Amino acid sequence: MAVPRNRMSKSRTLKRRTEHAFKPVQLVECPNCKAHKKSHRMCLSCGHYNGKSVFKEAKLA
């Protein structure tokens, strides 16, 4: 079993653990409906992504 040679200091440990914090969600404006959405995702309010409609209207026969 591996054993560390030297004890890691508290400051070094805490510096490593700062990366575990949650980052705030980055929101961008939808160019179609101006609602806030996550970047590189489909807009949940209008259903557009990259200038195209992702959902097609279902035609009932």
C-alpha atoms as a PDB file:
ATOM      1  CA  MET A   1       0.000   0.000   0.000  1.00  0.00           C
ATOM      2  CA  ALA A   2       1.362   3.425  -0.937  1.00  0.00           C
ATOM      3  CA  VAL A   3       2.272   5.757   1.907  1.00  0.00           C
ATOM      4  CA  PRO A   4       2.996   9.468   1.355  1.00  0.00           C
ATOM      5  CA  ARG A   5       6.558  10.438   2.215  1.00  0.00           C
ATOM      6  CA  ASN A   6       5.678  13.791   3.725  1.00  0.00           C
ATOM      7  CA  ARG A   7       2.558  15.215   5.264  1.00  0.00           C
ATOM      8  CA  MET A   8       0.627  17.552   2.980  1.00  0.00           C
ATOM      9  CA  SER A   9       0.123  20.997   4.505  1.00  0.00           C
ATOM     10  CA  LYS A  10      -3.365  22.374   5.187  1.00  0.00           C
ATOM     11  CA  SER A  11      -2.896  25.216   2.713  1.00  0.00           C
ATOM     12  CA  ARG A  12      -1.881  22.851  -0.077  1.00  0.00           C
ATOM     13  CA  THR A  13      -4.859  20.599   0.641  1.00  0.00           C
ATOM     14  CA  LEU A  14      -7.273  23.533   0.659  1.00  0.00           C
ATOM     15  CA  LYS A  15      -5.832  24.884  -2.590  1.00  0.00           C
ATOM     16  CA  ARG A  16      -6.551  21.568  -4.263  1.00  0.00           C
ATOM     17  CA  ARG A  17     -10.085  21.430  -2.858  1.00  0.00           C
ATOM     18  CA  THR A  18     -11.063  24.877  -4.135  1.00  0.00           C
ATOM     19  CA  GLU A  19     -11.703  23.290  -7.533  1.00  0.00           C
ATOM     20  CA  HIS A  20     -14.527  21.188  -6.059  1.00  0.00           C
ATOM     21  CA  ALA A  21     -16.777  24.217  -5.517  1.00  0.00           C
ATOM     22  CA  PHE A  22     -19.923  24.588  -7.610  1.00  0.00           C
ATOM     23  CA  LYS A  23     -19.659  27.089 -10.439  1.00  0.00           C
ATOM     24  CA  PRO A  24     -22.638  29.328 -11.297  1.00  0.00           C
ATOM     25  CA  VAL A  25     -24.578  28.318 -14.398  1.00  0.00           C
ATOM     26  CA  GLN A  26     -23.684  30.432 -17.437  1.00  0.00           C
ATOM     27  CA  LEU A  27     -26.808  31.669 -19.204  1.00  0.00           C
ATOM     28  CA  VAL A  28     -27.004  33.285 -22.629  1.00  0.00           C
ATOM     29  CA  GLU A  29     -29.865  34.985 -24.439  1.00  0.00           C
ATOM     30  CA  CYS A  30     -31.781  33.002 -27.053  1.00  0.00           C
ATOM     31  CA  PRO A  31     -31.541  34.879 -30.375  1.00  0.00           C
ATOM     32  CA  ASN A  32     -35.051  33.745 -31.336  1.00  0.00           C
ATOM     33  CA  CYS A  33     -37.189  34.505 -28.262  1.00  0.00           C
ATOM     34  CA  LYS A  34     -34.726  36.432 -26.031  1.00  0.00           C
ATOM     35  CA  ALA A  35     -35.226  34.007 -23.124  1.00  0.00           C
ATOM     36  CA  HIS A  36     -32.281  32.880 -20.997  1.00  0.00           C
ATOM     37  CA  LYS A  37     -30.869  29.433 -21.801  1.00  0.00           C
ATOM     38  CA  LYS A  38     -27.716  27.414 -21.222  1.00  0.00           C
ATOM     39  CA  SER A  39     -25.121  27.858 -23.929  1.00  0.00           C
ATOM     40  CA  HIS A  40     -24.892  25.123 -26.599  1.00  0.00           C
ATOM     41  CA  ARG A  41     -28.310  23.807 -25.586  1.00  0.00           C
ATOM     42  CA  MET A  42     -31.776  23.972 -27.099  1.00  0.00           C
ATOM     43  CA  CYS A  43     -33.977  26.802 -25.862  1.00  0.00           C
ATOM     44  CA  LEU A  44     -36.612  25.325 -23.575  1.00  0.00           C
ATOM     45  CA  SER A  45     -39.156  28.065 -24.213  1.00  0.00           C
ATOM     46  CA  CYS A  46     -39.194  28.176 -28.047  1.00  0.00           C
ATOM     47  CA  GLY A  47     -37.429  24.922 -29.045  1.00  0.00           C
ATOM     48  CA  HIS A  48     -34.792  26.501 -31.319  1.00  0.00           C
ATOM     49  CA  TYR A  49     -31.093  25.659 -31.532  1.00  0.00           C
ATOM     50  CA  ASN A  50     -28.548  27.173 -33.917  1.00  0.00           C
ATOM     51  CA  GLY A  51     -31.241  29.080 -35.805  1.00  0.00           C
ATOM     52  CA  LYS A  52     -33.344  25.975 -36.491  1.00  0.00           C
ATOM     53  CA  SER A  53     -36.482  24.603 -34.911  1.00  0.00           C
ATOM     54  CA  VAL A  54     -35.620  21.347 -33.182  1.00  0.00           C
ATOM     55  CA  PHE A  55     -39.202  20.216 -32.571  1.00  0.00           C
ATOM     56  CA  LYS A  56     -41.477  19.717 -35.534  1.00  0.00           C
ATOM     57  CA  GLU A  57     -45.191  20.141 -35.025  1.00  0.00           C
ATOM     58  CA  ALA A  58     -46.908  16.765 -34.824  1.00  0.00           C
ATOM     59  CA  LYS A  59     -49.588  16.427 -37.508  1.00  0.00           C
ATOM     60  CA  LEU A  60     -52.611  14.473 -36.427  1.00  0.00           C
ATOM     61  CA  ALA A  61     -54.185  12.490 -39.263  1.00  0.00           C
END
